[in-house]
Amino acid sequence: MSAFHTYRDIGVSQDGFVATVEMRRPPHNFFDSELIAEIGEAFERLDADLQCRTVAEGSRSGAGRHLYKEAIRLFRTRKPVIAAVQGAAVGGGLGLALVADFRITCQEARFSANFNRLGFHPGFGLTATLPRLVGAQQAALMFYTGRRIPGDEAVRIGLAEMLVPLAEVRSAAQALALEIAQSAPLAVTATRETVRRGLCDAIEAATERELVEQDRLRRTEDFKEGIKAMAERRLPDFHGR
């Protein structure tokens, strides 16, 4: 089974033992369950490819339950993933970035769990993945405030592992992928499974809770106001109902 067939919204290429999966939905790489399903399929195909040892994930610049089901597929794949974060990893985009084992970023990038700013509950398993990376207190601060974190702060708090100039983000991600690919592949896979032990189960449980709360909050006036304020580029006026 080869990963190299035609996808609608992603590109898959391989150089040696390193594969690159690139989102191609300009200008902002908006994602939905169809895009996540394509990435999941590519990851699973690369898992079965003995010539691939590491995956670099990058980008060119409602149906919630189905989307979350597809997202869980990404966490269940077995080979290391490095994300190149060049722009905004906001909301669900942050959730997608946290699928990766490591994140390479630049000062210009922005990370934000902005759900509460919209009157909404975090999703994409972020209530499990974000505290695991940055600690419970820092995760809570990001959730409650929705603040946007630049690349240098992301590295400082453990949200990303490496800060490089914008033009070097993709090449740095590929270089790290190559470095990992030079280690024994069976040992890397086994070690990764141990390090991430229990993560998929925690994410699956978290997404169930997230969906319940999202369904409830979607019917509130605050959620309607949050979406309206975002569209009008103004601060929301929430009333707790």
Protein backbone atom coordinates (compact mmCIF):
# COMPACT_ATOMS: atom_id res chain seq x y z
CA MET A 1 0.00 0.00 0.00
CA SER A 2 1.56 3.28 -1.08
CA ALA A 3 0.96 6.75 0.36
CA PHE A 4 1.77 8.27 -2.98
CA HIS A 5 -1.54 8.52 -4.74
CA THR A 6 -3.53 11.63 -5.53
CA TYR A 7 -5.11 13.52 -2.64
CA ARG A 8 -7.36 16.52 -3.04
CA ASP A 9 -6.04 18.77 -0.26
CA ILE A 10 -2.63 17.42 0.75
CA GLY A 11 0.62 16.58 -0.97
CA VAL A 12 2.79 13.61 0.02
CA SER A 13 6.44 13.31 -0.98
CA GLN A 14 9.41 11.32 0.26
CA ASP A 15 13.17 11.88 0.35
CA GLY A 16 15.05 8.88 1.66
CA PHE A 17 13.48 7.72 4.92
CA VAL A 18 11.63 11.01 5.51
CA ALA A 19 8.12 11.64 4.16
CA THR A 20 6.52 15.10 3.99
CA VAL A 21 2.76 15.59 4.27
CA GLU A 22 1.79 19.11 3.26
CA MET A 23 -1.63 20.76 3.58
CA ARG A 24 -2.64 22.61 0.42
CA ARG A 25 -5.75 24.65 1.12
CA PRO A 26 -4.71 28.23 0.45
CA PRO A 27 -4.84 30.82 1.75
CA HIS A 28 -5.39 29.71 5.37
CA ASN A 29 -5.39 25.89 5.28
CA PHE A 30 -8.90 25.67 6.74
CA PHE A 31 -9.53 22.13 7.90
CA ASP A 32 -12.57 19.92 8.31
CA SER A 33 -13.20 16.20 8.71
CA GLU A 34 -12.39 15.56 5.03
CA LEU A 35 -8.93 17.12 5.33
CA ILE A 36 -8.19 15.31 8.60
CA ALA A 37 -9.32 12.04 6.97
CA GLU A 38 -6.87 12.59 4.11
CA ILE A 39 -4.02 13.25 6.53
CA GLY A 40 -5.03 10.19 8.55
CA GLU A 41 -5.05 8.01 5.46
CA ALA A 42 -1.62 9.29 4.41
CA PHE A 43 -0.19 8.69 7.89
CA GLU A 44 -1.58 5.14 7.96
CA ARG A 45 -0.18 4.40 4.53
CA LEU A 46 3.21 5.73 5.60
CA ASP A 47 3.04 3.55 8.71
CA ALA A 48 2.86 0.55 6.38
CA ASP A 49 5.75 1.80 4.20
CA LEU A 50 9.07 0.28 5.33
CA GLN A 51 10.96 3.00 3.44
CA CYS A 52 9.44 5.71 5.66
CA ARG A 53 10.74 6.18 9.21
CA THR A 54 9.65 9.75 10.06
CA VAL A 55 6.95 12.16 8.86
CA ALA A 56 7.34 15.94 8.55
CA GLU A 57 3.99 17.73 8.61
CA GLY A 58 3.76 21.20 7.10
CA SER A 59 1.52 23.78 5.45
CA ARG A 60 1.90 26.45 2.79
CA SER A 61 1.34 29.33 4.84
CA GLY A 62 -19.81 20.54 12.57
CA ALA A 63 -19.59 17.62 11.91
CA GLY A 64 -17.68 17.60 15.14
CA ARG A 65 -18.05 13.94 16.10
CA HIS A 66 -16.88 12.77 12.71
CA LEU A 67 -13.96 15.23 12.74
CA TYR A 68 -12.87 14.01 16.18
CA LYS A 69 -13.09 10.39 15.05
CA GLU A 70 -10.78 11.20 12.16
CA ALA A 71 -8.45 13.14 14.47
CA ILE A 72 -8.04 10.14 16.79
CA ARG A 73 -6.71 8.21 13.77
CA LEU A 74 -3.77 10.61 13.62
CA PHE A 75 -2.76 9.88 17.21
CA ARG A 76 -2.91 6.13 16.65
CA THR A 77 -0.26 6.04 13.92
CA ARG A 78 3.15 4.68 14.91
CA LYS A 79 5.91 6.75 13.32
CA PRO A 80 7.31 10.04 14.67
CA VAL A 81 5.77 13.24 13.30
CA ILE A 82 7.40 16.68 13.20
CA ALA A 83 5.17 19.70 12.57
CA ALA A 84 6.44 22.81 10.79
CA VAL A 85 4.38 25.68 12.25
CA GLN A 86 4.96 28.73 10.08
CA GLY A 87 1.79 30.73 10.68
CA ALA A 88 -1.25 30.43 12.95
CA ALA A 89 -1.92 27.30 15.02
CA VAL A 90 -5.22 28.54 16.43
CA GLY A 91 -8.19 26.58 17.79
CA GLY A 92 -8.47 23.29 15.95
CA GLY A 93 -5.23 24.18 14.16
CA LEU A 94 -3.49 24.02 17.53
CA GLY A 95 -5.04 20.60 18.08
CA LEU A 96 -3.63 19.44 14.74
CA ALA A 97 -0.16 20.78 15.61
CA LEU A 98 -0.24 18.80 18.86
CA VAL A 99 -0.70 15.54 16.96
CA ALA A 100 3.01 15.80 16.20
CA ASP A 101 5.79 14.57 18.47
CA PHE A 102 7.73 17.83 17.94
CA ARG A 103 6.98 21.30 16.61
CA ILE A 104 9.43 23.56 14.77
CA THR A 105 8.32 27.18 14.61
CA CYS A 106 9.35 30.80 14.06
CA GLN A 107 8.84 34.09 15.87
CA GLU A 108 6.05 35.08 13.48
CA ALA A 109 3.91 32.03 14.32
CA ARG A 110 1.01 32.27 16.74
CA PHE A 111 -0.43 29.55 18.98
CA SER A 112 -3.84 29.97 20.58
CA ALA A 113 -6.56 27.85 22.22
CA ASN A 114 -9.14 30.56 21.52
CA PHE A 115 -12.31 28.52 22.14
CA ASN A 116 -13.45 30.33 25.32
CA ARG A 117 -13.09 33.65 23.50
CA LEU A 118 -15.79 32.35 21.17
CA GLY A 119 -18.05 31.13 23.98
CA PHE A 120 -17.07 27.56 23.13
CA HIS A 121 -15.36 24.54 24.71
CA PRO A 122 -11.90 23.34 23.58
CA GLY A 123 -11.89 20.39 21.19
CA PHE A 124 -9.65 18.11 19.13
CA GLY A 125 -8.49 16.40 22.33
CA LEU A 126 -6.71 19.57 23.46
CA THR A 127 -7.91 19.14 27.04
CA ALA A 128 -5.68 16.04 27.10
CA THR A 129 -2.78 17.04 24.84
CA LEU A 130 -2.13 20.64 25.90
CA PRO A 131 -1.70 19.98 29.67
CA ARG A 132 0.57 17.05 28.81
CA LEU A 133 2.91 19.44 26.99
CA VAL A 134 2.86 22.66 28.98
CA GLY A 135 1.43 21.61 32.36
CA ALA A 136 -2.04 21.99 33.82
CA GLN A 137 -1.66 25.62 34.92
CA GLN A 138 -0.24 26.94 31.65
CA ALA A 139 -2.85 25.01 29.68
CA ALA A 140 -5.64 26.45 31.82
CA LEU A 141 -4.25 29.95 31.27
CA MET A 142 -4.25 29.42 27.50
CA PHE A 143 -7.78 28.00 27.56
CA TYR A 144 -9.35 30.65 29.78
CA THR A 145 -7.75 33.68 28.10
CA GLY A 146 -7.44 32.51 24.49
CA ARG A 147 -4.23 34.54 24.33
CA ARG A 148 -2.03 34.32 21.24
CA ILE A 149 1.47 33.05 22.00
CA PRO A 150 4.37 33.93 19.66
CA GLY A 151 7.00 31.43 18.64
CA ASP A 152 9.62 32.32 21.24
CA GLU A 153 7.15 31.98 24.11
CA ALA A 154 5.87 28.71 22.64
CA VAL A 155 9.38 27.30 22.88
CA ARG A 156 9.87 28.71 26.39
CA ILE A 157 6.76 27.00 27.78
CA GLY A 158 7.33 23.69 25.96
CA LEU A 159 4.68 24.08 23.28
CA ALA A 160 7.35 23.90 20.57
CA GLU A 161 10.89 22.52 20.61
CA MET A 162 12.81 24.74 18.19
CA LEU A 163 12.68 28.38 17.04
CA VAL A 164 14.21 29.21 13.65
CA PRO A 165 13.78 32.00 11.07
CA LEU A 166 10.55 31.82 9.10
CA ALA A 167 12.32 30.79 5.90
CA GLU A 168 13.98 27.85 7.67
CA VAL A 169 10.99 26.28 9.43
CA ARG A 170 10.31 23.60 6.85
CA SER A 171 13.98 22.70 6.30
CA ALA A 172 14.56 22.54 10.06
CA ALA A 173 11.59 20.18 10.46
CA GLN A 174 12.95 17.97 7.69
CA ALA A 175 16.43 18.03 9.25
CA LEU A 176 15.04 16.86 12.59
CA ALA A 177 13.02 14.17 10.82
CA LEU A 178 16.19 12.98 9.08
CA GLU A 179 18.10 12.92 12.38
CA ILE A 180 15.40 10.74 13.94
CA ALA A 181 15.31 8.52 10.84
CA GLN A 182 19.00 7.73 11.34
CA SER A 183 18.16 5.90 14.58
CA ALA A 184 17.06 2.26 14.54
CA PRO A 185 13.43 2.37 13.30
CA LEU A 186 12.11 -0.52 15.39
CA ALA A 187 13.69 0.95 18.52
CA VAL A 188 12.26 4.41 17.79
CA THR A 189 8.77 3.00 17.25
CA ALA A 190 8.93 0.94 20.45
CA THR A 191 10.24 3.87 22.48
CA ARG A 192 7.58 6.17 21.06
CA GLU A 193 4.86 3.72 22.04
CA THR A 194 6.21 3.65 25.59
CA VAL A 195 6.56 7.45 25.84
CA ARG A 196 3.05 8.02 24.48
CA ARG A 197 1.49 5.12 26.39
CA GLY A 198 -2.12 5.84 27.28
CA LEU A 199 -2.23 9.01 25.18
CA CYS A 200 -4.75 7.76 22.61
CA ASP A 201 -7.11 6.47 25.28
CA ALA A 202 -6.86 9.79 27.14
CA ILE A 203 -7.59 11.73 23.95
CA GLU A 204 -10.56 9.53 23.07
CA ALA A 205 -12.04 10.06 26.55
CA ALA A 206 -11.33 13.81 26.39
CA THR A 207 -13.03 14.22 23.01
CA GLU A 208 -16.20 12.57 24.31
CA ARG A 209 -16.38 15.14 27.12
CA GLU A 210 -15.44 17.96 24.74
CA LEU A 211 -18.25 17.06 22.34
CA VAL A 212 -20.87 17.01 25.10
CA GLU A 213 -19.85 20.48 26.25
CA GLN A 214 -19.56 21.84 22.71
CA ASP A 215 -23.07 20.62 21.90
CA ARG A 216 -24.39 22.34 25.03
CA LEU A 217 -22.52 25.62 24.54
CA ARG A 218 -23.38 25.82 20.85
CA ARG A 219 -26.97 26.60 21.92
CA THR A 220 -26.02 29.55 24.16
CA GLU A 221 -26.33 33.25 23.44
CA ASP A 222 -22.66 33.67 24.37
CA PHE A 223 -21.61 31.36 21.55
CA LYS A 224 -23.70 33.29 19.03
CA GLU A 225 -22.16 36.52 20.29
CA GLY A 226 -18.65 35.09 20.14
CA ILE A 227 -19.02 34.05 16.51
CA LYS A 228 -20.66 37.36 15.59
CA ALA A 229 -17.91 39.35 17.30
CA MET A 230 -15.22 37.36 15.51
CA ALA A 231 -16.86 38.01 12.14
CA GLU A 232 -17.12 41.72 12.97
CA ARG A 233 -13.55 41.85 14.34
CA ARG A 234 -14.53 43.28 17.72
CA LEU A 235 -14.45 42.28 21.36
CA PRO A 236 -17.44 40.08 22.32
CA ASP A 237 -20.00 41.22 24.88
CA PHE A 238 -20.77 38.08 26.89
CA HIS A 239 -23.62 37.83 29.42
CA GLY A 240 -23.28 34.25 30.68
CA ARG A 241 -26.35 32.87 29.02
